[in-house]
Protein backbone atom coordinates (compact mmCIF):
# COMPACT_ATOMS: atom_id res chain seq x y z
CA ALA A 1 0.00 0.00 0.00
CA GLU A 2 2.92 2.33 0.62
CA SER A 3 4.89 1.56 -2.53
CA GLY A 4 2.41 0.12 -5.00
CA GLY A 5 3.25 2.46 -7.88
CA ASN A 6 4.97 1.58 -11.14
CA PRO A 7 8.69 2.36 -10.66
CA GLY A 8 10.20 4.81 -13.11
CA ARG A 9 6.88 5.52 -14.83
CA SER A 10 5.92 8.61 -12.89
CA GLY A 11 7.06 11.15 -10.31
CA HIS A 12 4.43 10.63 -7.64
CA SER A 13 5.28 9.25 -4.22
CA LEU A 14 4.08 5.66 -4.79
CA SER A 15 6.14 5.34 -7.97
CA ILE A 16 9.22 6.76 -6.28
CA ALA A 17 8.74 4.41 -3.31
CA ALA A 18 8.42 1.43 -5.67
CA GLY A 19 11.62 2.46 -7.45
CA ARG A 20 13.37 2.55 -4.09
CA VAL A 21 12.20 -1.01 -3.35
CA ILE A 22 13.70 -2.25 -6.64
CA LEU A 23 16.98 -0.46 -6.00
CA GLU A 24 17.23 -1.88 -2.48
CA GLY A 25 16.74 -5.34 -3.97
CA ARG A 26 19.54 -4.81 -6.47
CA GLU A 27 21.86 -3.62 -3.73
CA ALA A 28 21.04 -6.61 -1.51
CA VAL A 29 21.67 -9.11 -4.32
CA ALA A 30 24.86 -7.37 -5.44
CA GLU A 31 26.30 -7.41 -1.92
CA LEU A 32 25.38 -11.05 -1.31
CA LEU A 33 26.69 -12.40 -4.63
CA GLY A 34 29.69 -10.12 -5.06
CA VAL A 35 28.37 -8.25 -8.10
CA SER A 36 30.43 -5.07 -8.48
CA ASP A 37 27.55 -2.73 -9.37
CA PRO A 38 23.87 -3.06 -8.35
CA PHE A 39 22.87 -1.99 -11.88
CA ARG A 40 24.59 -5.15 -13.14
CA VAL A 41 21.90 -7.18 -11.36
CA ILE A 42 19.15 -7.91 -13.90
CA PHE A 43 15.84 -9.11 -12.45
CA THR A 44 14.01 -11.96 -14.24
CA LEU A 45 11.06 -14.25 -13.59
CA ASN A 46 13.22 -17.25 -12.64
CA ALA A 47 16.64 -18.80 -13.27
CA THR A 48 15.34 -20.38 -16.49
CA HIS A 49 14.48 -16.91 -17.79
CA ALA A 50 17.92 -15.64 -16.73
CA LEU A 51 19.70 -18.49 -18.52
CA ASN A 52 17.64 -17.96 -21.66
CA LEU A 53 18.62 -14.28 -21.60
CA ALA A 54 22.29 -15.22 -21.30
CA LEU A 55 22.27 -18.02 -23.88
CA PHE A 56 20.08 -16.49 -26.57
CA GLY A 57 21.61 -13.07 -25.94
CA LEU A 58 25.17 -14.27 -26.52
CA LEU A 59 25.05 -17.20 -28.92
CA THR A 60 24.20 -17.28 -32.59
CA THR A 61 24.63 -19.50 -35.65
CA GLY A 62 28.21 -20.67 -36.06
CA ASP A 63 29.19 -20.25 -32.41
CA ARG A 64 30.61 -23.11 -30.35
CA VAL A 65 29.67 -23.65 -26.70
CA ILE A 66 31.01 -26.03 -24.03
CA THR A 67 28.75 -27.49 -21.34
CA THR A 68 28.63 -30.55 -19.05
CA GLY A 69 26.66 -33.77 -18.80
CA MET A 70 25.13 -32.74 -15.45
CA GLU A 71 23.17 -29.67 -16.55
CA HIS A 72 19.57 -28.93 -15.60
CA ASN A 73 16.99 -28.66 -18.39
CA SER A 74 16.99 -24.91 -17.74
CA MET A 75 20.39 -24.96 -19.42
CA MET A 76 20.14 -27.94 -21.77
CA ARG A 77 16.82 -27.20 -23.44
CA PRO A 78 17.84 -23.68 -24.56
CA LEU A 79 21.19 -25.10 -25.70
CA ARG A 80 19.48 -27.83 -27.74
CA GLU A 81 17.26 -25.20 -29.37
CA LEU A 82 20.35 -23.13 -30.17
CA GLU A 83 21.96 -26.27 -31.59
CA ARG A 84 18.98 -26.62 -33.90
CA ARG A 85 19.67 -23.06 -35.04
CA GLY A 86 23.30 -23.78 -35.90
CA VAL A 87 25.22 -23.43 -32.62
CA GLU A 88 27.71 -26.25 -31.94
CA VAL A 89 27.08 -27.69 -28.46
CA VAL A 90 29.84 -29.80 -26.91
CA VAL A 91 28.81 -31.80 -23.83
CA VAL A 92 31.76 -32.79 -21.62
CA PRO A 93 31.13 -36.01 -19.64
CA CYS A 94 31.09 -36.26 -15.85
CA ASP A 95 32.22 -39.06 -13.55
CA HIS A 96 30.07 -41.28 -11.31
CA GLN A 97 30.04 -38.60 -8.59
CA GLY A 98 28.86 -35.92 -10.99
CA TYR A 99 32.15 -34.05 -11.48
CA VAL A 100 32.97 -32.70 -14.92
CA ASP A 101 36.10 -34.09 -16.57
CA LEU A 102 38.23 -30.96 -16.12
CA GLU A 103 40.96 -32.07 -18.55
CA THR A 104 38.42 -32.65 -21.34
CA PHE A 105 36.63 -29.41 -20.47
CA GLU A 106 39.85 -27.41 -20.82
CA ARG A 107 40.86 -29.24 -24.00
CA GLU A 108 37.52 -28.50 -25.67
CA LEU A 109 37.78 -24.84 -24.67
CA ARG A 110 41.23 -24.59 -26.25
CA LYS A 111 39.69 -25.72 -29.55
CA GLY A 112 37.69 -22.49 -29.49
CA ALA A 113 34.39 -21.57 -27.88
CA LYS A 114 32.14 -18.53 -27.47
CA ALA A 115 30.98 -19.61 -24.02
CA ALA A 116 31.31 -22.22 -21.29
CA CYS A 117 28.00 -23.01 -19.56
CA PHE A 118 27.85 -24.99 -16.33
CA GLN A 119 25.98 -25.37 -13.07
CA HIS A 120 27.48 -24.57 -9.69
CA ALA A 121 25.75 -27.53 -8.03
CA SER A 122 23.53 -30.35 -9.23
CA ASN A 123 19.90 -30.51 -8.14
CA VAL A 124 20.16 -34.32 -8.54
CA SER A 125 23.40 -35.36 -6.82
CA GLY A 126 24.30 -32.14 -4.98
CA THR A 127 27.76 -32.19 -6.58
CA LEU A 128 29.57 -28.85 -6.32
CA GLN A 129 31.53 -28.16 -9.48
CA PRO A 130 34.89 -26.34 -9.16
CA ILE A 131 33.57 -23.08 -10.62
CA ALA A 132 36.77 -21.14 -9.94
CA GLN A 133 38.74 -23.59 -12.11
CA LEU A 134 36.05 -23.80 -14.78
CA THR A 135 35.70 -20.02 -14.97
CA ALA A 136 39.49 -19.56 -15.10
CA ALA A 137 39.70 -22.09 -17.95
CA ALA A 138 37.01 -20.19 -19.85
CA ARG A 139 38.73 -16.84 -19.36
CA GLU A 140 42.07 -18.26 -20.49
CA ALA A 141 40.40 -19.56 -23.66
CA GLY A 142 38.70 -16.23 -24.32
CA ALA A 143 35.21 -17.63 -23.66
CA TYR A 144 32.35 -16.22 -21.62
CA SER A 145 31.33 -18.19 -18.52
CA ILE A 146 27.62 -18.66 -17.84
CA VAL A 147 26.99 -20.16 -14.39
CA ASP A 148 23.73 -21.66 -13.12
CA ALA A 149 23.66 -20.93 -9.38
CA ALA A 150 20.02 -21.88 -8.79
CA GLN A 151 21.00 -24.48 -6.18
CA THR A 152 23.70 -22.48 -4.39
CA ALA A 153 22.78 -18.78 -4.17
CA GLY A 154 22.06 -18.14 -0.50
CA VAL A 155 23.42 -21.45 0.81
CA PHE A 156 27.01 -21.46 -0.51
CA PRO A 157 29.38 -18.46 -0.68
CA ILE A 158 29.55 -16.94 -4.19
CA ASN A 159 31.54 -13.92 -5.32
CA VAL A 160 30.98 -13.08 -8.98
CA SER A 161 33.72 -10.45 -9.10
CA ALA A 162 36.41 -12.42 -7.25
CA THR A 163 35.74 -15.62 -9.22
CA GLY A 164 35.75 -13.85 -12.59
CA ILE A 165 32.31 -15.15 -13.58
CA GLY A 166 30.88 -13.59 -16.73
CA LEU A 167 27.16 -14.15 -16.14
CA LEU A 168 25.54 -15.82 -13.14
CA ALA A 169 21.89 -16.92 -13.02
CA PHE A 170 20.26 -17.10 -9.59
CA THR A 171 16.79 -17.91 -8.35
CA GLY A 172 15.05 -16.14 -5.50
CA HIS A 173 12.71 -18.83 -4.23
CA LYS A 174 15.32 -21.32 -2.98
CA GLY A 175 18.31 -20.45 -0.82
CA LEU A 176 17.63 -16.72 -1.01
CA GLN A 177 14.30 -17.28 0.79
CA GLY A 178 12.34 -15.06 -1.60
CA PRO A 179 9.03 -15.67 -3.40
CA PRO A 180 8.61 -17.20 -6.87
CA GLY A 181 9.20 -14.67 -9.62
CA SER A 182 12.19 -13.03 -7.91
CA SER A 183 15.30 -14.18 -9.73
CA GLY A 184 17.93 -12.69 -11.96
CA LEU A 185 21.20 -12.53 -13.83
CA GLY A 186 24.35 -11.02 -12.33
CA LEU A 187 26.92 -9.59 -14.76
CA GLY A 188 30.60 -9.83 -13.91
CA PRO A 189 32.70 -6.64 -13.77
CA GLU A 190 34.61 -7.48 -16.96
CA PHE A 191 31.56 -8.47 -19.00
CA ASP A 192 30.51 -5.90 -21.60
CA PRO A 193 26.69 -5.81 -21.64
CA ALA A 194 26.80 -4.47 -25.21
CA HIS A 195 27.66 -8.06 -26.23
CA LEU A 196 24.35 -9.36 -24.82
CA ARG A 197 21.21 -8.94 -26.90
CA PRO A 198 18.00 -8.24 -24.95
CA LEU A 199 15.52 -11.09 -24.87
CA VAL A 200 12.53 -8.70 -24.65
CA ARG A 201 12.08 -5.07 -25.66
CA GLY A 202 9.40 -2.60 -24.67
CA GLY A 203 8.47 -0.22 -21.88
CA THR A 204 11.08 0.75 -19.31
CA GLY A 205 10.14 4.20 -18.01
CA SER A 206 13.45 5.58 -19.30
CA ARG A 207 14.06 7.46 -22.56
CA SER A 208 10.37 7.04 -23.35
CA GLU A 209 10.57 9.69 -26.09
CA PHE A 210 12.50 7.21 -28.30
CA GLU A 211 11.07 4.18 -30.09
CA GLU A 212 14.39 2.35 -29.81
CA HIS A 213 14.98 0.30 -26.67
CA PRO A 214 17.48 1.94 -24.25
CA ASP A 215 21.03 0.60 -23.95
CA MET A 216 21.64 1.61 -20.31
CA LEU A 217 21.75 -0.90 -17.46
CA PRO A 218 19.55 -2.41 -16.19
CA ASP A 219 16.84 -1.08 -18.55
CA ARG A 220 18.43 -2.79 -21.57
CA PHE A 221 17.37 -6.17 -20.15
CA GLU A 222 14.29 -5.29 -18.07
CA ALA A 223 11.43 -4.42 -20.41
CA GLY A 224 7.96 -4.02 -18.92
CA THR A 225 6.66 -3.45 -15.42
CA PRO A 226 8.95 -5.09 -12.83
CA ASN A 227 7.80 -7.45 -10.08
CA GLY A 228 8.09 -4.95 -7.25
CA ALA A 229 6.34 -7.16 -4.70
CA GLY A 230 8.56 -10.10 -5.62
CA VAL A 231 11.74 -8.03 -5.32
CA ALA A 232 10.58 -6.73 -1.93
CA GLY A 233 10.12 -10.34 -0.83
CA LEU A 234 13.56 -11.24 -2.17
CA THR A 235 15.13 -8.40 -0.21
CA ALA A 236 13.38 -9.62 2.94
CA GLY A 237 14.59 -13.16 2.22
CA ILE A 238 18.18 -12.00 1.87
CA GLY A 239 17.70 -10.17 5.15
CA ALA A 240 16.60 -13.45 6.73
CA VAL A 241 19.79 -15.12 5.47
CA GLY A 242 21.75 -12.30 7.09
CA ALA A 243 19.84 -12.72 10.35
CA ARG A 244 21.03 -16.34 10.46
CA GLY A 245 24.61 -15.10 10.34
CA GLY A 246 25.01 -14.91 6.58
CA VAL A 247 25.71 -17.48 3.90
CA ALA A 248 28.73 -18.90 5.74
CA ALA A 249 26.55 -19.71 8.78
CA VAL A 250 23.86 -21.22 6.55
CA ARG A 251 26.50 -23.38 4.88
CA ALA A 252 27.89 -24.53 8.24
CA ALA A 253 24.41 -25.57 9.38
CA GLU A 254 23.83 -27.35 6.09
CA LEU A 255 27.08 -29.30 6.47
CA ARG A 256 26.01 -30.54 9.89
CA LEU A 257 22.69 -31.72 8.48
CA LEU A 258 24.39 -33.34 5.48
CA ALA A 259 26.79 -35.30 7.65
CA ARG A 260 23.93 -36.53 9.85
CA LEU A 261 21.73 -37.42 6.87
CA GLN A 262 24.44 -39.35 5.04
CA ALA A 263 25.45 -41.29 8.16
CA GLN A 264 21.85 -42.32 8.84
CA LEU A 265 21.15 -43.23 5.21
CA ALA A 266 24.31 -45.35 5.06
CA ALA A 267 23.01 -47.38 8.01
CA ILE A 268 19.90 -48.46 6.11
CA PRO A 269 20.39 -51.77 4.26
CA GLY A 270 19.95 -51.50 0.51
CA VAL A 271 20.19 -47.70 0.32
CA THR A 272 22.68 -46.18 -2.12
CA VAL A 273 23.69 -42.53 -1.73
CA TYR A 274 24.78 -40.95 -5.01
CA GLY A 275 27.16 -38.04 -5.41
CA PRO A 276 30.22 -37.11 -3.32
CA GLN A 277 30.38 -38.78 0.09
CA GLU A 278 32.22 -35.86 1.66
CA PRO A 279 29.61 -33.26 2.74
CA THR A 280 31.91 -30.31 1.95
CA ARG A 281 31.86 -31.33 -1.73
CA ARG A 282 28.09 -31.16 -2.17
CA THR A 283 24.93 -29.26 -1.34
């Protein structure tokens, strides 16, 4: 009731209050995920939407992309559609614990690639991929890194800037404790947003006198009325993570639960636990 206006579309108090809610959300996400500038946080409907923005915005016919055999359909289905359109998709195999074959991954990158696309952790086995190594390999090969952090944002420490990640997709309704519809894409400090084509164009509330879509961040990638209520919920969720002591404290609590769960499951005859046995190597 106090900030139910349409942010950026007017100068009255409700619109200004709604704009403040969106900005506070950007700042909260940027601080939590190590994004260098809040305006490099792009809000989307979900991580699937964020990954589609990254993949279809970067890749085109004739490009080559490297991914892994553990990816979620949020990554693989857009990649298979791009493959149908003429993008070469190379899938690097993973071992029985879910880890990507790093040697093969690096070798395929050296052959040339526009991007390397990989998840931070598997929603199936919980396996945590070595994103620092994978991102470094991509940078060395001159490729963009697109990271799916749907399973880790809010429950495992992530620093986009320090890790050198190009684009990181996160979802709000899991570890960040936000509502559905509050997700986004974080752009690394070295990534030039001019290289990313918008997925949607339309109203933004900025430069409304022009019929061409604006190039400025974040408007370039946020056409249409934003989900102000969802972003407010996301900000509150991030606050709840902070109230628990931050992501490091959440991770420590998760490790205790993982160790207990795996020990009890191992004691049940006939039960097989897939993925890494060491709790620190999984979610």
